[in-house]
C-alpha atoms as a PDB file:
ATOM      1  CA  MET A   1     -15.635  40.158  -2.464  1.00  0.00           C
ATOM      2  CA  LEU A   2     -15.003  36.711  -3.930  1.00  0.00           C
ATOM      3  CA  ASP A   3     -11.812  36.345  -1.903  1.00  0.00           C
ATOM      4  CA  LEU A   4     -13.933  36.637   1.268  1.00  0.00           C
ATOM      5  CA  ALA A   5     -16.115  33.690   0.245  1.00  0.00           C
ATOM      6  CA  ALA A   6     -15.160  31.408   3.141  1.00  0.00           C
ATOM      7  CA  ASP A   7     -16.531  33.937   5.652  1.00  0.00           C
ATOM      8  CA  LEU A   8     -19.387  35.345   3.595  1.00  0.00           C
ATOM      9  CA  VAL A   9     -21.083  32.126   2.490  1.00  0.00           C
ATOM     10  CA  PRO A  10     -22.105  30.974   6.032  1.00  0.00           C
ATOM     11  CA  LEU A  11     -23.389  34.457   6.892  1.00  0.00           C
ATOM     12  CA  LEU A  12     -25.449  34.862   3.725  1.00  0.00           C
ATOM     13  CA  GLU A  13     -26.817  31.323   3.951  1.00  0.00           C
ATOM     14  CA  ALA A  14     -27.919  32.106   7.517  1.00  0.00           C
ATOM     15  CA  GLY A  15     -29.719  35.237   6.338  1.00  0.00           C
ATOM     16  CA  VAL A  16     -27.348  37.735   7.968  1.00  0.00           C
ATOM     17  CA  PRO A  17     -27.445  41.141   6.186  1.00  0.00           C
ATOM     18  CA  VAL A  18     -23.984  42.075   4.898  1.00  0.00           C
ATOM     19  CA  ALA A  19     -22.660  45.099   3.013  1.00  0.00           C
ATOM     20  CA  ALA A  20     -19.487  45.236   0.938  1.00  0.00           C
ATOM     21  CA  VAL A  21     -17.152  48.150   0.233  1.00  0.00           C
ATOM     22  CA  THR A  22     -15.102  47.546  -2.923  1.00  0.00           C
ATOM     23  CA  VAL A  23     -12.232  49.547  -4.431  1.00  0.00           C
ATOM     24  CA  THR A  24     -13.122  50.625  -7.980  1.00  0.00           C
ATOM     25  CA  ASP A  25     -10.172  52.902  -8.759  1.00  0.00           C
ATOM     26  CA  VAL A  26      -6.709  53.752  -7.408  1.00  0.00           C
ATOM     27  CA  VAL A  27      -5.157  57.227  -7.658  1.00  0.00           C
ATOM     28  CA  ARG A  28      -1.345  57.195  -7.607  1.00  0.00           C
ATOM     29  CA  SER A  29      -0.688  54.379  -5.141  1.00  0.00           C
ATOM     30  CA  ALA A  30      -2.538  52.402  -2.494  1.00  0.00           C
ATOM     31  CA  PRO A  31      -1.864  49.382  -0.248  1.00  0.00           C
ATOM     32  CA  ARG A  32      -4.428  47.269  -2.148  1.00  0.00           C
ATOM     33  CA  GLY A  33      -5.660  47.393  -5.704  1.00  0.00           C
ATOM     34  CA  VAL A  34      -8.897  47.523  -7.643  1.00  0.00           C
ATOM     35  CA  GLY A  35     -11.278  44.827  -6.417  1.00  0.00           C
ATOM     36  CA  ALA A  36     -10.104  44.819  -2.787  1.00  0.00           C
ATOM     37  CA  THR A  37     -13.189  44.447  -0.598  1.00  0.00           C
ATOM     38  CA  LEU A  38     -14.210  44.920   3.019  1.00  0.00           C
ATOM     39  CA  ALA A  39     -17.499  43.444   4.249  1.00  0.00           C
ATOM     40  CA  VAL A  40     -19.424  44.478   7.349  1.00  0.00           C
ATOM     41  CA  THR A  41     -22.479  43.168   9.216  1.00  0.00           C
ATOM     42  CA  ARG A  42     -25.052  45.225  11.162  1.00  0.00           C
ATOM     43  CA  ASP A  43     -23.249  44.487  14.422  1.00  0.00           C
ATOM     44  CA  ALA A  44     -20.035  45.894  12.868  1.00  0.00           C
ATOM     45  CA  ARG A  45     -18.297  42.587  12.342  1.00  0.00           C
ATOM     46  CA  VAL A  46     -15.612  43.382   9.756  1.00  0.00           C
ATOM     47  CA  ILE A  47     -14.327  40.899   7.171  1.00  0.00           C
ATOM     48  CA  GLY A  48     -11.485  41.726   4.801  1.00  0.00           C
ATOM     49  CA  SER A  49      -9.719  45.008   4.091  1.00  0.00           C
ATOM     50  CA  ILE A  50      -9.438  47.710   1.447  1.00  0.00           C
ATOM     51  CA  SER A  51      -6.298  49.447   2.697  1.00  0.00           C
ATOM     52  CA  GLY A  52      -4.527  47.372   5.306  1.00  0.00           C
ATOM     53  CA  GLY A  53      -5.827  49.670   8.041  1.00  0.00           C
ATOM     54  CA  CYS A  54      -5.423  53.242   6.745  1.00  0.00           C
ATOM     55  CA  VAL A  55      -9.074  53.998   5.981  1.00  0.00           C
ATOM     56  CA  GLU A  56     -10.898  50.983   7.372  1.00  0.00           C
ATOM     57  CA  SER A  57     -12.960  52.944   9.895  1.00  0.00           C
ATOM     58  CA  ASP A  58     -14.341  55.189   7.153  1.00  0.00           C
ATOM     59  CA  ALA A  59     -15.060  52.171   4.969  1.00  0.00           C
ATOM     60  CA  VAL A  60     -16.931  50.466   7.805  1.00  0.00           C
ATOM     61  CA  MET A  61     -19.110  53.543   8.350  1.00  0.00           C
ATOM     62  CA  LEU A  62     -19.857  53.757   4.625  1.00  0.00           C
ATOM     63  CA  GLY A  63     -20.764  50.074   4.557  1.00  0.00           C
ATOM     64  CA  LEU A  64     -23.034  50.397   7.587  1.00  0.00           C
ATOM     65  CA  ASP A  65     -24.792  53.305   5.898  1.00  0.00           C
ATOM     66  CA  ALA A  66     -25.372  51.247   2.758  1.00  0.00           C
ATOM     67  CA  LEU A  67     -26.629  48.397   4.925  1.00  0.00           C
ATOM     68  CA  ARG A  68     -29.013  50.667   6.840  1.00  0.00           C
ATOM     69  CA  THR A  69     -30.463  52.461   3.824  1.00  0.00           C
ATOM     70  CA  GLY A  70     -30.176  49.738   1.189  1.00  0.00           C
ATOM     71  CA  GLU A  71     -28.696  52.347  -1.136  1.00  0.00           C
ATOM     72  CA  VAL A  72     -25.423  52.293  -3.059  1.00  0.00           C
ATOM     73  CA  ARG A  73     -22.837  54.704  -1.635  1.00  0.00           C
ATOM     74  CA  ARG A  74     -19.673  55.994  -3.314  1.00  0.00           C
ATOM     75  CA  ALA A  75     -16.668  57.798  -1.825  1.00  0.00           C
ATOM     76  CA  ARG A  76     -13.010  58.620  -2.268  1.00  0.00           C
ATOM     77  CA  PHE A  77     -10.641  57.876   0.622  1.00  0.00           C
ATOM     78  CA  GLY A  78      -7.142  59.290   0.899  1.00  0.00           C
ATOM     79  CA  PHE A  79      -5.317  62.255  -0.603  1.00  0.00           C
ATOM     80  CA  THR A  80      -6.667  64.642  -3.236  1.00  0.00           C
ATOM     81  CA  ASP A  81      -4.735  65.757  -6.311  1.00  0.00           C
ATOM     82  CA  ASP A  82      -3.298  68.743  -4.414  1.00  0.00           C
ATOM     83  CA  GLY A  83      -1.941  66.477  -1.693  1.00  0.00           C
ATOM     84  CA  THR A  84      -4.509  67.323   0.964  1.00  0.00           C
ATOM     85  CA  VAL A  85      -6.542  64.667   2.733  1.00  0.00           C
ATOM     86  CA  THR A  86     -10.118  64.160   1.578  1.00  0.00           C
ATOM     87  CA  PRO A  87     -12.360  65.789   4.235  1.00  0.00           C
ATOM     88  CA  ILE A  88     -13.613  63.522   7.031  1.00  0.00           C
ATOM     89  CA  THR A  89     -11.361  60.665   5.927  1.00  0.00           C
ATOM     90  CA  ALA A  90      -8.033  59.278   6.930  1.00  0.00           C
ATOM     91  CA  GLY A  91      -5.143  59.478   4.486  1.00  0.00           C
ATOM     92  CA  LEU A  92      -3.432  56.506   2.896  1.00  0.00           C
ATOM     93  CA  ALA A  93       0.105  56.077   4.184  1.00  0.00           C
ATOM     94  CA  CYS A  94       1.401  55.758   0.615  1.00  0.00           C
ATOM     95  CA  GLY A  95      -0.003  59.167  -0.390  1.00  0.00           C
ATOM     96  CA  GLY A  96      -2.657  58.005  -2.832  1.00  0.00           C
ATOM     97  CA  ALA A  97      -6.412  57.629  -2.840  1.00  0.00           C
ATOM     98  CA  VAL A  98      -9.018  54.982  -3.579  1.00  0.00           C
ATOM     99  CA  ASP A  99     -12.501  55.290  -5.015  1.00  0.00           C
ATOM    100  CA  VAL A 100     -14.927  52.843  -3.440  1.00  0.00           C
ATOM    101  CA  VAL A 101     -18.507  51.703  -3.806  1.00  0.00           C
ATOM    102  CA  ALA A 102     -20.553  50.390  -0.856  1.00  0.00           C
ATOM    103  CA  TYR A 103     -23.574  48.157  -1.420  1.00  0.00           C
ATOM    104  CA  ARG A 104     -25.706  45.562   0.326  1.00  0.00           C
ATOM    105  CA  ILE A 105     -24.883  42.059  -0.843  1.00  0.00           C
ATOM    106  CA  ASP A 106     -27.794  40.279  -2.503  1.00  0.00           C
ATOM    107  CA  PRO A 107     -27.539  36.593  -1.513  1.00  0.00           C
ATOM    108  CA  ALA A 108     -29.580  35.396  -4.490  1.00  0.00           C
ATOM    109  CA  ALA A 109     -27.235  37.091  -6.941  1.00  0.00           C
ATOM    110  CA  SER A 110     -23.974  36.439  -5.103  1.00  0.00           C
ATOM    111  CA  LEU A 111     -24.113  33.033  -3.433  1.00  0.00           C
ATOM    112  CA  PRO A 112     -23.460  30.813  -6.506  1.00  0.00           C
ATOM    113  CA  ALA A 113     -20.249  32.684  -7.344  1.00  0.00           C
ATOM    114  CA  LEU A 114     -19.195  32.835  -3.692  1.00  0.00           C
ATOM    115  CA  VAL A 115     -19.727  29.098  -3.247  1.00  0.00           C
ATOM    116  CA  ALA A 116     -17.592  28.431  -6.335  1.00  0.00           C
ATOM    117  CA  ALA A 117     -14.867  30.762  -5.074  1.00  0.00           C
ATOM    118  CA  ARG A 118     -14.896  29.103  -1.646  1.00  0.00           C
ATOM    119  CA  ALA A 119     -14.260  25.751  -3.340  1.00  0.00           C
ATOM    120  CA  GLY A 120     -11.279  27.219  -5.164  1.00  0.00           C
ATOM    121  CA  ARG A 121     -12.972  27.244  -8.555  1.00  0.00           C
ATOM    122  CA  GLN A 122     -12.984  30.091 -11.036  1.00  0.00           C
ATOM    123  CA  ALA A 123     -15.833  32.479 -10.305  1.00  0.00           C
ATOM    124  CA  ALA A 124     -17.388  35.582 -11.856  1.00  0.00           C
ATOM    125  CA  LEU A 125     -20.081  37.886 -10.523  1.00  0.00           C
ATOM    126  CA  HIS A 126     -21.859  40.884 -12.064  1.00  0.00           C
ATOM    127  CA  LEU A 127     -23.672  43.270  -9.751  1.00  0.00           C
ATOM    128  CA  ASP A 128     -26.049  46.010 -10.945  1.00  0.00           C
ATOM    129  CA  LEU A 129     -25.376  49.096  -8.832  1.00  0.00           C
ATOM    130  CA  ASP A 130     -27.552  52.056  -9.807  1.00  0.00           C
ATOM    131  CA  ASP A 131     -25.991  53.631 -12.900  1.00  0.00           C
ATOM    132  CA  ALA A 132     -23.028  51.255 -13.155  1.00  0.00           C
ATOM    133  CA  GLY A 133     -22.224  47.584 -13.048  1.00  0.00           C
ATOM    134  CA  LEU A 134     -19.584  45.931 -10.902  1.00  0.00           C
ATOM    135  CA  ASP A 135     -17.838  42.893 -12.366  1.00  0.00           C
ATOM    136  CA  LEU A 136     -15.903  40.699  -9.947  1.00  0.00           C
ATOM    137  CA  HIS A 137     -13.641  37.909 -11.118  1.00  0.00           C
ATOM    138  CA  ARG A 138     -11.588  35.320  -9.297  1.00  0.00           C
ATOM    139  CA  PRO A 139      -9.359  32.820 -11.088  1.00  0.00           C
ATOM    140  CA  ALA A 140      -9.299  29.263  -9.862  1.00  0.00           C
ATOM    141  CA  ALA A 141      -7.102  28.994  -6.791  1.00  0.00           C
ATOM    142  CA  PRO A 142      -3.653  27.409  -7.132  1.00  0.00           C
ATOM    143  CA  ARG A 143      -3.794  23.835  -5.915  1.00  0.00           C
ATOM    144  CA  LEU A 144      -1.751  22.233  -3.161  1.00  0.00           C
ATOM    145  CA  VAL A 145      -1.728  18.434  -3.036  1.00  0.00           C
ATOM    146  CA  ILE A 146      -0.523  17.045   0.290  1.00  0.00           C
ATOM    147  CA  LEU A 147       0.352  13.345   0.304  1.00  0.00           C
ATOM    148  CA  GLY A 148       0.374  12.043   3.849  1.00  0.00           C
ATOM    149  CA  ALA A 149      -1.962  13.046   6.668  1.00  0.00           C
ATOM    150  CA  GLY A 150       0.193  13.450   9.758  1.00  0.00           C
ATOM    151  CA  GLU A 151       0.518  16.492  12.002  1.00  0.00           C
ATOM    152  CA  HIS A 152       2.809  18.322   9.578  1.00  0.00           C
ATOM    153  CA  ALA A 153       0.207  17.767   6.868  1.00  0.00           C
ATOM    154  CA  ALA A 154      -2.540  19.206   9.082  1.00  0.00           C
ATOM    155  CA  ALA A 155      -0.471  22.337   9.732  1.00  0.00           C
ATOM    156  CA  LEU A 156       0.421  22.659   6.046  1.00  0.00           C
ATOM    157  CA  CYS A 157      -3.250  22.358   5.102  1.00  0.00           C
ATOM    158  CA  ARG A 158      -4.183  25.181   7.481  1.00  0.00           C
ATOM    159  CA  LEU A 159      -1.475  27.539   6.277  1.00  0.00           C
ATOM    160  CA  GLY A 160      -1.906  26.570   2.634  1.00  0.00           C
ATOM    161  CA  ALA A 161      -5.615  27.346   2.725  1.00  0.00           C
ATOM    162  CA  ALA A 162      -4.911  30.649   4.488  1.00  0.00           C
ATOM    163  CA  ALA A 163      -2.429  31.493   1.721  1.00  0.00           C
ATOM    164  CA  GLY A 164      -5.121  30.980  -0.922  1.00  0.00           C
ATOM    165  CA  PHE A 165      -4.448  27.419  -2.068  1.00  0.00           C
ATOM    166  CA  ALA A 166      -7.188  24.900  -2.769  1.00  0.00           C
ATOM    167  CA  VAL A 167      -5.817  22.051  -0.667  1.00  0.00           C
ATOM    168  CA  THR A 168      -6.213  18.343  -1.359  1.00  0.00           C
ATOM    169  CA  VAL A 169      -5.055  15.778   1.202  1.00  0.00           C
ATOM    170  CA  CYS A 170      -4.477  12.128   0.336  1.00  0.00           C
ATOM    171  CA  ASP A 171      -3.381   9.219   2.530  1.00  0.00           C
ATOM    172  CA  ASP A 172      -3.974   5.489   2.390  1.00  0.00           C
ATOM    173  CA  TRP A 173      -5.045   5.445   6.052  1.00  0.00           C
ATOM    174  CA  ALA A 174      -8.704   6.439   6.335  1.00  0.00           C
ATOM    175  CA  LEU A 175      -8.414   7.015  10.075  1.00  0.00           C
ATOM    176  CA  LEU A 176      -6.285  10.106   9.420  1.00  0.00           C
ATOM    177  CA  VAL A 177      -8.015  11.588   6.377  1.00  0.00           C
ATOM    178  CA  THR A 178     -11.047  13.127   8.066  1.00  0.00           C
ATOM    179  CA  PRO A 179     -12.869  16.483   7.849  1.00  0.00           C
ATOM    180  CA  GLU A 180     -12.220  16.988  11.558  1.00  0.00           C
ATOM    181  CA  ARG A 181      -8.449  16.877  11.012  1.00  0.00           C
ATOM    182  CA  PHE A 182      -8.516  18.809   7.736  1.00  0.00           C
ATOM    183  CA  PRO A 183     -11.508  21.201   7.819  1.00  0.00           C
ATOM    184  CA  GLU A 184      -9.821  23.622   5.403  1.00  0.00           C
ATOM    185  CA  ALA A 185      -9.257  21.046   2.642  1.00  0.00           C
ATOM    186  CA  VAL A 186     -11.428  21.208  -0.466  1.00  0.00           C
ATOM    187  CA  GLU A 187     -10.847  17.503  -1.140  1.00  0.00           C
ATOM    188  CA  LEU A 188      -9.935  14.482   0.985  1.00  0.00           C
ATOM    189  CA  ALA A 189      -8.907  11.189  -0.599  1.00  0.00           C
ATOM    190  CA  VAL A 190      -8.231   7.774   0.864  1.00  0.00           C
ATOM    191  CA  ALA A 191      -5.980   6.097  -1.679  1.00  0.00           C
ATOM    192  CA  SER A 192      -2.445   5.062  -2.448  1.00  0.00           C
ATOM    193  CA  PRO A 193      -0.689   8.413  -3.074  1.00  0.00           C
ATOM    194  CA  HIS A 194       0.882   7.482  -6.418  1.00  0.00           C
ATOM    195  CA  GLU A 195      -2.380   6.048  -7.727  1.00  0.00           C
ATOM    196  CA  PHE A 196      -4.237   9.181  -6.649  1.00  0.00           C
ATOM    197  CA  LEU A 197      -1.686  11.400  -8.394  1.00  0.00           C
ATOM    198  CA  ALA A 198      -1.908   9.353 -11.579  1.00  0.00           C
ATOM    199  CA  ARG A 199      -5.593  10.279 -11.924  1.00  0.00           C
ATOM    200  CA  PHE A 200      -5.394  13.826 -10.502  1.00  0.00           C
ATOM    201  CA  PRO A 201      -7.335  16.071 -12.900  1.00  0.00           C
ATOM    202  CA  ALA A 202      -5.540  18.702 -15.004  1.00  0.00           C
ATOM    203  CA  PRO A 203      -2.295  19.217 -13.065  1.00  0.00           C
ATOM    204  CA  ASP A 204      -0.662  22.463 -14.161  1.00  0.00           C
ATOM    205  CA  ALA A 205       2.079  24.957 -13.361  1.00  0.00           C
ATOM    206  CA  ARG A 206      -0.005  26.399 -10.495  1.00  0.00           C
ATOM    207  CA  THR A 207      -0.194  22.990  -8.797  1.00  0.00           C
ATOM    208  CA  ALA A 208       2.202  22.104  -5.972  1.00  0.00           C
ATOM    209  CA  VAL A 209       2.698  18.558  -4.679  1.00  0.00           C
ATOM    210  CA  CYS A 210       4.187  17.951  -1.233  1.00  0.00           C
ATOM    211  CA  VAL A 211       5.041  14.428  -0.135  1.00  0.00           C
ATOM    212  CA  LEU A 212       4.871  14.021   3.644  1.00  0.00           C
ATOM    213  CA  THR A 213       4.259  10.281   3.911  1.00  0.00           C
ATOM    214  CA  HIS A 214       7.490   9.511   5.824  1.00  0.00           C
ATOM    215  CA  ASP A 215       7.479   6.025   4.292  1.00  0.00           C
ATOM    216  CA  GLU A 216       9.791   5.092   1.426  1.00  0.00           C
ATOM    217  CA  ARG A 217       7.325   2.493   0.205  1.00  0.00           C
ATOM    218  CA  LEU A 218       4.838   5.291  -0.408  1.00  0.00           C
ATOM    219  CA  ASP A 219       6.914   8.355  -1.137  1.00  0.00           C
ATOM    220  CA  VAL A 220       9.195   6.828  -3.806  1.00  0.00           C
ATOM    221  CA  PRO A 221       6.356   5.826  -6.181  1.00  0.00           C
ATOM    222  CA  ALA A 222       4.508   9.052  -5.336  1.00  0.00           C
ATOM    223  CA  LEU A 223       7.529  11.190  -6.178  1.00  0.00           C
ATOM    224  CA  ARG A 224       8.248   9.226  -9.348  1.00  0.00           C
ATOM    225  CA  THR A 225       4.697   9.984 -10.486  1.00  0.00           C
ATOM    226  CA  ALA A 226       4.748  13.625  -9.348  1.00  0.00           C
ATOM    227  CA  LEU A 227       8.051  14.423 -11.064  1.00  0.00           C
ATOM    228  CA  ARG A 228       6.583  13.320 -14.379  1.00  0.00           C
ATOM    229  CA  LEU A 229       3.518  15.546 -14.095  1.00  0.00           C
ATOM    230  CA  PRO A 230       3.407  19.117 -15.491  1.00  0.00           C
ATOM    231  CA  VAL A 231       3.119  20.617 -12.009  1.00  0.00           C
ATOM    232  CA  GLY A 232       4.990  23.709 -10.921  1.00  0.00           C
ATOM    233  CA  PHE A 233       6.418  22.402  -7.653  1.00  0.00           C
ATOM    234  CA  VAL A 234       7.287  19.009  -6.177  1.00  0.00           C
ATOM    235  CA  GLY A 235       8.665  18.765  -2.658  1.00  0.00           C
ATOM    236  CA  ALA A 236       9.351  16.065  -0.104  1.00  0.00           C
ATOM    237  CA  MET A 237      10.015  16.280   3.605  1.00  0.00           C
ATOM    238  CA  GLY A 238      12.974  14.496   5.165  1.00  0.00           C
ATOM    239  CA  ALA A 239      16.369  14.854   6.805  1.00  0.00           C
ATOM    240  CA  ARG A 240      19.388  15.116   4.519  1.00  0.00           C
ATOM    241  CA  ALA A 241      20.308  11.463   5.048  1.00  0.00           C
ATOM    242  CA  THR A 242      16.756  10.498   4.089  1.00  0.00           C
ATOM    243  CA  VAL A 243      16.918  12.765   1.043  1.00  0.00           C
ATOM    244  CA  ALA A 244      20.159  11.142  -0.143  1.00  0.00           C
ATOM    245  CA  ARG A 245      18.828   7.608   0.317  1.00  0.00           C
ATOM    246  CA  ARG A 246      15.550   8.498  -1.370  1.00  0.00           C
ATOM    247  CA  ALA A 247      17.414   9.938  -4.356  1.00  0.00           C
ATOM    248  CA  THR A 248      19.214   6.620  -4.767  1.00  0.00           C
ATOM    249  CA  LEU A 249      15.916   4.737  -4.620  1.00  0.00           C
ATOM    250  CA  LEU A 250      14.315   7.121  -7.116  1.00  0.00           C
ATOM    251  CA  ARG A 251      17.146   6.623  -9.602  1.00  0.00           C
ATOM    252  CA  ALA A 252      16.815   2.870  -9.149  1.00  0.00           C
ATOM    253  CA  ALA A 253      13.091   3.279  -9.893  1.00  0.00           C
ATOM    254  CA  GLY A 254      13.894   4.919 -13.226  1.00  0.00           C
ATOM    255  CA  VAL A 255      13.772   8.611 -12.288  1.00  0.00           C
ATOM    256  CA  THR A 256      16.254  10.567 -14.401  1.00  0.00           C
ATOM    257  CA  ASP A 257      18.652  13.198 -13.085  1.00  0.00           C
ATOM    258  CA  ALA A 258      16.681  15.846 -14.995  1.00  0.00           C
ATOM    259  CA  GLU A 259      13.472  14.757 -13.279  1.00  0.00           C
ATOM    260  CA  LEU A 260      15.214  14.573  -9.917  1.00  0.00           C
ATOM    261  CA  SER A 261      16.510  18.135 -10.308  1.00  0.00           C
ATOM    262  CA  ARG A 262      12.902  19.346 -10.033  1.00  0.00           C
ATOM    263  CA  LEU A 263      12.573  17.960  -6.509  1.00  0.00           C
ATOM    264  CA  HIS A 264      12.640  20.406  -3.571  1.00  0.00           C
ATOM    265  CA  SER A 265      13.990  18.324  -0.727  1.00  0.00           C
ATOM    266  CA  PRO A 266      14.602  18.864   2.137  1.00  0.00           C
ATOM    267  CA  LEU A 267      11.350  20.772   1.819  1.00  0.00           C
ATOM    268  CA  GLY A 268      11.000  24.386   2.937  1.00  0.00           C
ATOM    269  CA  LEU A 269      13.079  27.524   3.417  1.00  0.00           C
ATOM    270  CA  ASP A 270      15.507  27.670   6.322  1.00  0.00           C
ATOM    271  CA  LEU A 271      13.547  29.788   8.804  1.00  0.00           C
ATOM    272  CA  GLY A 272      15.018  28.107  11.856  1.00  0.00           C
ATOM    273  CA  GLY A 273      11.619  26.911  13.099  1.00  0.00           C
ATOM    274  CA  ALA A 274      10.870  23.590  14.753  1.00  0.00           C
ATOM    275  CA  THR A 275       7.113  23.211  15.271  1.00  0.00           C
ATOM    276  CA  ALA A 276       4.721  21.767  12.711  1.00  0.00           C
ATOM    277  CA  GLU A 277       3.284  25.232  12.077  1.00  0.00           C
ATOM    278  CA  GLU A 278       6.728  26.796  11.625  1.00  0.00           C
ATOM    279  CA  THR A 279       7.677  24.010   9.250  1.00  0.00           C
ATOM    280  CA  ALA A 280       4.459  24.528   7.290  1.00  0.00           C
ATOM    281  CA  LEU A 281       5.248  28.245   7.038  1.00  0.00           C
ATOM    282  CA  SER A 282       8.670  27.451   5.594  1.00  0.00           C
ATOM    283  CA  VAL A 283       7.087  25.111   3.031  1.00  0.00           C
ATOM    284  CA  ILE A 284       4.488  27.644   1.876  1.00  0.00           C
ATOM    285  CA  ALA A 285       7.228  30.275   1.690  1.00  0.00           C
ATOM    286  CA  GLU A 286       9.313  28.065  -0.602  1.00  0.00           C
ATOM    287  CA  ILE A 287       6.336  27.256  -2.838  1.00  0.00           C
ATOM    288  CA  VAL A 288       5.454  30.944  -3.220  1.00  0.00           C
ATOM    289  CA  ALA A 289       9.074  31.938  -3.812  1.00  0.00           C
ATOM    290  CA  SER A 290       9.458  29.213  -6.426  1.00  0.00           C
ATOM    291  CA  ARG A 291       6.215  30.173  -8.177  1.00  0.00           C
ATOM    292  CA  ASN A 292       7.306  33.829  -8.355  1.00  0.00           C
ATOM    293  CA  ASP A 293      10.927  33.013  -9.226  1.00  0.00           C
ATOM    294  CA  ALA A 294      11.990  34.987  -6.162  1.00  0.00           C
ATOM    295  CA  ASP A 295      15.164  34.578  -4.133  1.00  0.00           C
ATOM    296  CA  ALA A 296      13.362  34.944  -0.782  1.00  0.00           C
ATOM    297  CA  ARG A 297      15.703  37.639   0.525  1.00  0.00           C
ATOM    298  CA  PRO A 298      14.440  40.067   3.180  1.00  0.00           C
ATOM    299  CA  LEU A 299      12.695  43.034   1.565  1.00  0.00           C
ATOM    300  CA  ARG A 300      15.154  45.426   3.192  1.00  0.00           C
ATOM    301  CA  ASP A 301      17.922  43.757   1.143  1.00  0.00           C
ATOM    302  CA  ALA A 302      16.000  43.727  -2.146  1.00  0.00           C
ATOM    303  CA  ARG A 303      16.558  46.208  -4.945  1.00  0.00           C
ATOM    304  CA  GLY A 304      14.485  47.418  -7.866  1.00  0.00           C
ATOM    305  CA  PRO A 305      10.809  46.996  -8.685  1.00  0.00           C
ATOM    306  CA  ARG A 306      10.405  43.682  -6.859  1.00  0.00           C
ATOM    307  CA  LEU A 307      10.663  45.527  -3.559  1.00  0.00           C
ATOM    308  CA  HIS A 308       7.725  47.769  -4.511  1.00  0.00           C
ATOM    309  CA  GLY A 309       5.572  44.867  -5.638  1.00  0.00           C
ATOM    310  CA  ALA A 310       6.489  42.681  -2.700  1.00  0.00           C
ATOM    311  CA  ALA A 311       5.564  45.413  -0.264  1.00  0.00           C
ATOM    312  CA  GLY A 312       1.985  45.116  -1.424  1.00  0.00           C
ATOM    313  CA  HIS A 313       1.434  48.617  -2.793  1.00  0.00           C
ATOM    314  CA  VAL A 314      -0.275  49.112  -6.120  1.00  0.00           C
ATOM    315  CA  ALA A 315       0.947  52.101  -8.096  1.00  0.00           C
ATOM    316  CA  SER A 316      -2.206  52.502 -10.196  1.00  0.00           C
ATOM    317  CA  PRO A 317      -5.012  50.401 -11.663  1.00  0.00           C
ATOM    318  CA  ALA A 318      -3.006  49.970 -14.854  1.00  0.00           C
ATOM    319  CA  ALA A 319      -0.155  48.470 -12.865  1.00  0.00           C
ATOM    320  CA  ALA A 320      -2.342  45.918 -11.170  1.00  0.00           C
ATOM    321  CA  THR A 321      -4.307  42.895 -12.275  1.00  0.00           C
ATOM    322  CA  SER A 322      -7.848  44.093 -11.748  1.00  0.00           C
ATOM    323  CA  SER A 323     -10.335  41.793 -10.098  1.00  0.00           C
ATOM    324  CA  CYS A 324     -13.209  44.162 -10.720  1.00  0.00           C
ATOM    325  CA  ALA A 325     -14.224  46.901 -13.091  1.00  0.00           C
ATOM    326  CA  VAL A 326     -16.946  49.511 -13.120  1.00  0.00           C
ATOM    327  CA  ARG A 327     -18.624  50.319 -16.387  1.00  0.00           C
ATOM    328  CA  THR A 328     -21.330  52.789 -17.313  1.00  0.00           C
ATOM    329  CA  ALA A 329     -24.674  51.126 -17.834  1.00  0.00           C
END
């Protein structure tokens, strides 16, 4: 449920009744793991997913029933141990089953954790559901720092937020750094990029820095600062001629070859796109591939366990990182 915070917080704050259907166990394999949640309103507005489409209609009906009655509902969707489909449910395409619990969301109990999750902070939530408790956890979101506030930055902010990053945008031109241009950002800063980076709190391996300033006077000091931080990814946009000239300027500014080897530039995977949105997609793809130490090949060309994991199927709860757990009261 915490991963749906951006959509749930406005609804709950407005007093809209919402039910959630959360996966509590996986039998054999399923498209999504323990903790996956679908939310539904009385008018059947659906937010999120528990299966990628296989059993969503059944989950919606279960959620609407919990919303109507105010009672906790439990069910198993998918295939039984003998391979037959659970009665009155669709089967999961991967041949497994999921146990779920449906419950009405209590705004008083849930909103503080949802607000924290929406801001990209670590969040935890315990829900009392009849004879069991449901513990939901969400680690702090990985951070994406975008230096420069042009059109490519706006597209990168949108796609970065959609990919689960807590996005910060910094530019020294206040006219560009506005909530209207960057509604998905969790932080906007008007400052010199290198000075902002120098005081950026707790940079870590899950932090990515992308320099899109298109001005050597700004991007050289910003990159020199970024390459000396313990961040997991540093990238800079620019044509190859720009990249070569910038490398010369960085060395002249005292950046070592070892530091320079960390720089991803030109920034992004070669997807052949041209628009700002296509460029942003290539940048996010490179950041994710770098973070996962992946070679970014098509899945059809991959071999071994990475193919299974990349396809999004969870073999069992033990094979997944659980975001929720049910315990007996």
